[in-house]
PDB file of N, CA and C in Angstrom:
ATOM      1  N   ALA A   1      36.715 -28.221  21.706  1.00  0.00           N
ATOM      2  CA  ALA A   1      35.620 -27.158  22.722  1.00  0.00           C
ATOM      3  C   ALA A   1      36.568 -25.819  22.246  1.00  0.00           C
ATOM      4  N   GLU A   2      37.457 -25.381  22.061  1.00  0.00           N
ATOM      5  CA  GLU A   2      37.900 -24.349  22.140  1.00  0.00           C
ATOM      6  C   GLU A   2      37.356 -23.600  20.984  1.00  0.00           C
ATOM      7  N   ASN A   3      37.184 -24.483  19.527  1.00  0.00           N
ATOM      8  CA  ASN A   3      36.921 -24.067  18.258  1.00  0.00           C
ATOM      9  C   ASN A   3      35.443 -23.791  18.326  1.00  0.00           C
ATOM     10  N   LEU A   4      34.579 -24.675  19.443  1.00  0.00           N
ATOM     11  CA  LEU A   4      33.346 -24.677  19.325  1.00  0.00           C
ATOM     12  C   LEU A   4      32.743 -23.350  20.277  1.00  0.00           C
ATOM     13  N   LEU A   5      33.298 -22.827  21.075  1.00  0.00           N
ATOM     14  CA  LEU A   5      33.488 -21.673  22.018  1.00  0.00           C
ATOM     15  C   LEU A   5      33.595 -20.507  20.934  1.00  0.00           C
ATOM     16  N   CYS A   6      34.575 -20.711  20.221  1.00  0.00           N
ATOM     17  CA  CYS A   6      34.989 -19.466  19.244  1.00  0.00           C
ATOM     18  C   CYS A   6      33.355 -19.511  18.113  1.00  0.00           C
ATOM     19  N   ARG A   7      32.904 -20.563  17.961  1.00  0.00           N
ATOM     20  CA  ARG A   7      31.978 -20.407  16.813  1.00  0.00           C
ATOM     21  C   ARG A   7      30.939 -19.541  17.481  1.00  0.00           C
ATOM     22  N   LEU A   8      30.713 -19.954  18.772  1.00  0.00           N
ATOM     23  CA  LEU A   8      29.480 -19.511  19.619  1.00  0.00           C
ATOM     24  C   LEU A   8      29.489 -17.824  19.555  1.00  0.00           C
ATOM     25  N   GLN A   9      30.833 -17.606  20.068  1.00  0.00           N
ATOM     26  CA  GLN A   9      31.233 -16.216  20.301  1.00  0.00           C
ATOM     27  C   GLN A   9      30.893 -15.424  18.960  1.00  0.00           C
ATOM     28  N   GLU A  10      31.434 -15.803  17.769  1.00  0.00           N
ATOM     29  CA  GLU A  10      30.917 -15.245  16.414  1.00  0.00           C
ATOM     30  C   GLU A  10      29.465 -15.469  16.172  1.00  0.00           C
ATOM     31  N   ASN A  11      29.104 -16.372  16.622  1.00  0.00           N
ATOM     32  CA  ASN A  11      27.601 -16.027  16.038  1.00  0.00           C
ATOM     33  C   ASN A  11      26.446 -15.371  16.989  1.00  0.00           C
ATOM     34  N   PHE A  12      27.171 -15.333  18.511  1.00  0.00           N
ATOM     35  CA  PHE A  12      26.451 -14.252  19.417  1.00  0.00           C
ATOM     36  C   PHE A  12      27.109 -12.833  18.902  1.00  0.00           C
ATOM     37  N   GLN A  13      27.907 -12.829  18.610  1.00  0.00           N
ATOM     38  CA  GLN A  13      28.647 -11.165  17.711  1.00  0.00           C
ATOM     39  C   GLN A  13      27.635 -10.786  16.643  1.00  0.00           C
ATOM     40  N   VAL A  14      27.067 -11.891  15.795  1.00  0.00           N
ATOM     41  CA  VAL A  14      26.372 -11.797  14.590  1.00  0.00           C
ATOM     42  C   VAL A  14      25.191 -11.507  14.855  1.00  0.00           C
ATOM     43  N   LEU A  15      24.605 -12.064  15.868  1.00  0.00           N
ATOM     44  CA  LEU A  15      23.104 -11.678  16.446  1.00  0.00           C
ATOM     45  C   LEU A  15      23.117 -10.794  17.011  1.00  0.00           C
ATOM     46  N   THR A  16      24.203 -10.379  18.177  1.00  0.00           N
ATOM     47  CA  THR A  16      23.743  -9.047  18.365  1.00  0.00           C
ATOM     48  C   THR A  16      23.913  -7.972  17.416  1.00  0.00           C
ATOM     49  N   GLU A  17      25.047  -8.138  16.109  1.00  0.00           N
ATOM     50  CA  GLU A  17      24.923  -6.834  15.492  1.00  0.00           C
ATOM     51  C   GLU A  17      23.589  -6.520  14.463  1.00  0.00           C
ATOM     52  N   LYS A  18      23.056  -7.662  14.615  1.00  0.00           N
ATOM     53  CA  LYS A  18      21.674  -8.225  13.643  1.00  0.00           C
ATOM     54  C   LYS A  18      20.487  -7.484  14.586  1.00  0.00           C
ATOM     55  N   LEU A  19      20.536  -7.475  15.831  1.00  0.00           N
ATOM     56  CA  LEU A  19      19.513  -7.156  16.393  1.00  0.00           C
ATOM     57  C   LEU A  19      19.516  -5.585  16.765  1.00  0.00           C
ATOM     58  N   THR A  20      21.022  -5.305  16.855  1.00  0.00           N
ATOM     59  CA  THR A  20      21.071  -3.720  16.969  1.00  0.00           C
ATOM     60  C   THR A  20      20.366  -2.987  15.609  1.00  0.00           C
ATOM     61  N   LEU A  21      21.087  -3.637  14.714  1.00  0.00           N
ATOM     62  CA  LEU A  21      20.453  -2.864  12.784  1.00  0.00           C
ATOM     63  C   LEU A  21      18.995  -3.085  13.063  1.00  0.00           C
ATOM     64  N   ARG A  22      18.229  -4.018  13.815  1.00  0.00           N
ATOM     65  CA  ARG A  22      16.995  -4.035  13.650  1.00  0.00           C
ATOM     66  C   ARG A  22      16.165  -3.240  14.341  1.00  0.00           C
ATOM     67  N   ASN A  23      17.011  -2.669  15.877  1.00  0.00           N
ATOM     68  CA  ASN A  23      16.643  -1.467  16.658  1.00  0.00           C
ATOM     69  C   ASN A  23      16.651  -0.318  16.012  1.00  0.00           C
ATOM     70  N   ILE A  24      17.916  -0.344  15.044  1.00  0.00           N
ATOM     71  CA  ILE A  24      18.144   1.057  14.859  1.00  0.00           C
ATOM     72  C   ILE A  24      17.136   1.539  13.809  1.00  0.00           C
ATOM     73  N   LEU A  25      16.966   0.475  12.699  1.00  0.00           N
ATOM     74  CA  LEU A  25      15.995   0.640  11.836  1.00  0.00           C
ATOM     75  C   LEU A  25      14.385   0.852  11.997  1.00  0.00           C
ATOM     76  N   PHE A  26      14.014   0.169  13.213  1.00  0.00           N
ATOM     77  CA  PHE A  26      12.817   0.585  13.942  1.00  0.00           C
ATOM     78  C   PHE A  26      12.499   1.410  14.355  1.00  0.00           C
ATOM     79  N   GLY A  27      13.411   2.248  15.132  1.00  0.00           N
ATOM     80  CA  GLY A  27      13.764   3.262  15.316  1.00  0.00           C
ATOM     81  C   GLY A  27      13.176   4.675  14.689  1.00  0.00           C
ATOM     82  N   THR A  28      13.997   4.135  13.139  1.00  0.00           N
ATOM     83  CA  THR A  28      13.774   5.335  12.157  1.00  0.00           C
ATOM     84  C   THR A  28      12.853   5.220  11.856  1.00  0.00           C
ATOM     85  N   TRP A  29      11.986   4.166  11.280  1.00  0.00           N
ATOM     86  CA  TRP A  29      10.765   3.747  11.255  1.00  0.00           C
ATOM     87  C   TRP A  29       9.958   4.624  11.613  1.00  0.00           C
ATOM     88  N   VAL A  30       9.765   4.690  13.628  1.00  0.00           N
ATOM     89  CA  VAL A  30       9.142   5.200  14.295  1.00  0.00           C
ATOM     90  C   VAL A  30       8.856   6.378  13.997  1.00  0.00           C
ATOM     91  N   ILE A  31      10.026   7.338  14.069  1.00  0.00           N
ATOM     92  CA  ILE A  31      10.670   8.444  13.979  1.00  0.00           C
ATOM     93  C   ILE A  31       9.922   9.011  12.738  1.00  0.00           C
ATOM     94  N   PHE A  32      10.073   8.486  11.785  1.00  0.00           N
ATOM     95  CA  PHE A  32      10.005   8.701  10.357  1.00  0.00           C
ATOM     96  C   PHE A  32       8.042   8.947  10.090  1.00  0.00           C
ATOM     97  N   ASN A  33       7.827   7.542  10.628  1.00  0.00           N
ATOM     98  CA  ASN A  33       6.286   8.101  10.763  1.00  0.00           C
ATOM     99  C   ASN A  33       5.141   8.936  11.428  1.00  0.00           C
ATOM    100  N   PHE A  34       6.034   9.432  12.676  1.00  0.00           N
ATOM    101  CA  PHE A  34       5.936  10.967  13.487  1.00  0.00           C
ATOM    102  C   PHE A  34       6.008  12.131  12.541  1.00  0.00           C
ATOM    103  N   LEU A  35       7.107  12.075  11.920  1.00  0.00           N
ATOM    104  CA  LEU A  35       7.297  13.258  11.260  1.00  0.00           C
ATOM    105  C   LEU A  35       6.329  13.385  10.186  1.00  0.00           C
ATOM    106  N   LEU A  36       6.047  12.047   9.644  1.00  0.00           N
ATOM    107  CA  LEU A  36       4.799  12.379   8.620  1.00  0.00           C
ATOM    108  C   LEU A  36       3.260  12.480   9.066  1.00  0.00           C
ATOM    109  N   GLU A  37       2.978  11.961  10.230  1.00  0.00           N
ATOM    110  CA  GLU A  37       1.985  12.330  10.952  1.00  0.00           C
ATOM    111  C   GLU A  37       1.908  13.966  11.184  1.00  0.00           C
ATOM    112  N   GLU A  38       2.988  14.404  11.549  1.00  0.00           N
ATOM    113  CA  GLU A  38       3.144  15.752  12.133  1.00  0.00           C
ATOM    114  C   GLU A  38       3.052  16.675  10.902  1.00  0.00           C
ATOM    115  N   MET A  39       3.612  16.232   9.789  1.00  0.00           N
ATOM    116  CA  MET A  39       3.698  17.178   8.429  1.00  0.00           C
ATOM    117  C   MET A  39       1.883  17.158   7.953  1.00  0.00           C
ATOM    118  N   GLY A  40       1.115  15.840   8.474  1.00  0.00           N
ATOM    119  CA  GLY A  40       0.086  16.216   7.394  1.00  0.00           C
ATOM    120  C   GLY A  40      -0.933  16.835   8.527  1.00  0.00           C
ATOM    121  N   GLU A  41      -0.361  16.879   9.688  1.00  0.00           N
ATOM    122  CA  GLU A  41      -1.453  17.985  10.763  1.00  0.00           C
ATOM    123  C   GLU A  41      -1.180  19.273  10.222  1.00  0.00           C
ATOM    124  N   ARG A  42       0.067  19.440   9.786  1.00  0.00           N
ATOM    125  CA  ARG A  42       0.307  20.933   9.846  1.00  0.00           C
ATOM    126  C   ARG A  42      -0.246  21.495   8.438  1.00  0.00           C
ATOM    127  N   ILE A  43      -0.445  20.415   7.102  1.00  0.00           N
ATOM    128  CA  ILE A  43      -0.913  20.942   5.942  1.00  0.00           C
ATOM    129  C   ILE A  43      -2.591  21.102   6.457  1.00  0.00           C
ATOM    130  N   ASN A  44      -2.873  19.867   7.082  1.00  0.00           N
ATOM    131  CA  ASN A  44      -4.142  20.449   7.313  1.00  0.00           C
ATOM    132  C   ASN A  44      -4.814  22.162   8.351  1.00  0.00           C
ATOM    133  N   ASP A  45      -4.054  21.931   8.963  1.00  0.00           N
ATOM    134  CA  ASP A  45      -4.095  23.227   9.728  1.00  0.00           C
ATOM    135  C   ASP A  45      -3.849  24.426   8.639  1.00  0.00           C
ATOM    136  N   LEU A  46      -3.053  24.612   7.777  1.00  0.00           N
ATOM    137  CA  LEU A  46      -2.792  25.337   6.952  1.00  0.00           C
ATOM    138  C   LEU A  46      -3.754  25.727   5.868  1.00  0.00           C
ATOM    139  N   GLU A  47      -4.440  24.304   5.744  1.00  0.00           N
ATOM    140  CA  GLU A  47      -5.330  24.535   4.718  1.00  0.00           C
ATOM    141  C   GLU A  47      -6.855  25.037   5.444  1.00  0.00           C
ATOM    142  N   LYS A  48      -6.922  24.846   6.507  1.00  0.00           N
ATOM    143  CA  LYS A  48      -8.047  25.582   7.327  1.00  0.00           C
ATOM    144  C   LYS A  48      -7.656  27.140   7.134  1.00  0.00           C
ATOM    145  N   ARG A  49      -6.376  27.188   7.716  1.00  0.00           N
ATOM    146  CA  ARG A  49      -6.088  28.846   7.987  1.00  0.00           C
ATOM    147  C   ARG A  49      -6.804  29.670   6.592  1.00  0.00           C
ATOM    148  N   VAL A  50      -6.087  29.053   5.532  1.00  0.00           N
ATOM    149  CA  VAL A  50      -6.379  29.391   4.326  1.00  0.00           C
ATOM    150  C   VAL A  50      -7.711  29.650   4.009  1.00  0.00           C
ATOM    151  N   ALA A  51      -8.216  28.622   4.156  1.00  0.00           N
ATOM    152  CA  ALA A  51     -10.317  28.629   4.154  1.00  0.00           C
ATOM    153  C   ALA A  51     -10.699  29.821   4.911  1.00  0.00           C
ATOM    154  N   ASP A  52     -10.207  29.926   6.080  1.00  0.00           N
ATOM    155  CA  ASP A  52     -10.741  31.172   6.871  1.00  0.00           C
ATOM    156  C   ASP A  52     -10.441  32.338   6.746  1.00  0.00           C
ATOM    157  N   LEU A  53      -9.228  32.775   5.959  1.00  0.00           N
ATOM    158  CA  LEU A  53      -8.612  33.775   5.849  1.00  0.00           C
ATOM    159  C   LEU A  53      -9.820  34.054   4.378  1.00  0.00           C
ATOM    160  N   MET A  54      -9.539  33.210   3.293  1.00  0.00           N
ATOM    161  CA  MET A  54     -10.910  33.332   2.133  1.00  0.00           C
ATOM    162  C   MET A  54     -12.205  33.923   2.636  1.00  0.00           C
ATOM    163  N   THR A  55     -12.478  33.327   3.734  1.00  0.00           N
ATOM    164  CA  THR A  55     -14.083  33.651   3.916  1.00  0.00           C
ATOM    165  C   THR A  55     -13.853  35.010   4.654  1.00  0.00           C
ATOM    166  N   GLU A  56     -13.188  35.090   5.370  1.00  0.00           N
ATOM    167  CA  GLU A  56     -12.577  36.528   5.924  1.00  0.00           C
ATOM    168  C   GLU A  56     -13.314  37.640   4.756  1.00  0.00           C
ATOM    169  N   ALA A  57     -12.085  37.196   3.970  1.00  0.00           N
ATOM    170  CA  ALA A  57     -11.988  37.991   2.606  1.00  0.00           C
ATOM    171  C   ALA A  57     -12.898  37.983   1.643  1.00  0.00           C
ATOM    172  N   GLY A  58     -13.972  37.653   1.895  1.00  0.00           N
ATOM    173  CA  GLY A  58     -15.010  37.694   1.326  1.00  0.00           C
ATOM    174  C   GLY A  58     -15.026  36.539  -0.201  1.00  0.00           C
ATOM    175  N   VAL A  59     -13.980  35.548   0.080  1.00  0.00           N
ATOM    176  CA  VAL A  59     -14.074  35.151  -1.194  1.00  0.00           C
ATOM    177  C   VAL A  59     -14.368  33.457  -1.036  1.00  0.00           C
ATOM    178  N   GLU A  60     -15.541  33.163  -2.251  1.00  0.00           N
ATOM    179  CA  GLU A  60     -15.983  31.617  -1.776  1.00  0.00           C
ATOM    180  C   GLU A  60     -15.697  30.698  -2.745  1.00  0.00           C
ATOM    181  N   ASN A  61     -14.955  30.047  -2.095  1.00  0.00           N
ATOM    182  CA  ASN A  61     -14.405  28.822  -3.054  1.00  0.00           C
ATOM    183  C   ASN A  61     -14.717  27.406  -2.280  1.00  0.00           C
ATOM    184  N   SER A  62     -14.659  26.400  -3.053  1.00  0.00           N
ATOM    185  CA  SER A  62     -14.836  25.157  -2.253  1.00  0.00           C
ATOM    186  C   SER A  62     -13.733  24.398  -2.081  1.00  0.00           C
ATOM    187  N   ASP A  63     -13.603  23.543  -1.262  1.00  0.00           N
ATOM    188  CA  ASP A  63     -12.119  23.061  -0.940  1.00  0.00           C
ATOM    189  C   ASP A  63     -11.566  22.292  -2.281  1.00  0.00           C
ATOM    190  N   GLU A  64     -12.631  22.263  -2.998  1.00  0.00           N
ATOM    191  CA  GLU A  64     -11.915  21.089  -4.568  1.00  0.00           C
ATOM    192  C   GLU A  64     -11.384  22.133  -5.599  1.00  0.00           C
ATOM    193  N   GLU A  65     -11.820  23.558  -5.484  1.00  0.00           N
ATOM    194  CA  GLU A  65     -11.219  24.476  -6.173  1.00  0.00           C
ATOM    195  C   GLU A  65      -9.946  24.836  -5.285  1.00  0.00           C
ATOM    196  N   LEU A  66      -9.846  24.998  -4.196  1.00  0.00           N
ATOM    197  CA  LEU A  66      -8.145  24.993  -3.723  1.00  0.00           C
ATOM    198  C   LEU A  66      -7.173  24.117  -4.105  1.00  0.00           C
ATOM    199  N   ARG A  67      -7.342  23.075  -4.327  1.00  0.00           N
ATOM    200  CA  ARG A  67      -6.750  21.815  -4.890  1.00  0.00           C
ATOM    201  C   ARG A  67      -6.195  21.592  -6.434  1.00  0.00           C
TER     202      ARG A  67
END
């Protein structure tokens, strides 16, 4: 019975460690995706500002010429 209790405790510890690692990985994935989305929004904003500045300066370029 004592051996069974030790095995159950070991299995519980392994399961706890796996769940903890899974939570850490999921949290990292969520943060990474948020940062990618934020970077995409900043790039879009920068492209718009450059286009606006070019328009103000009287430079006519299409979006494709900027890329």
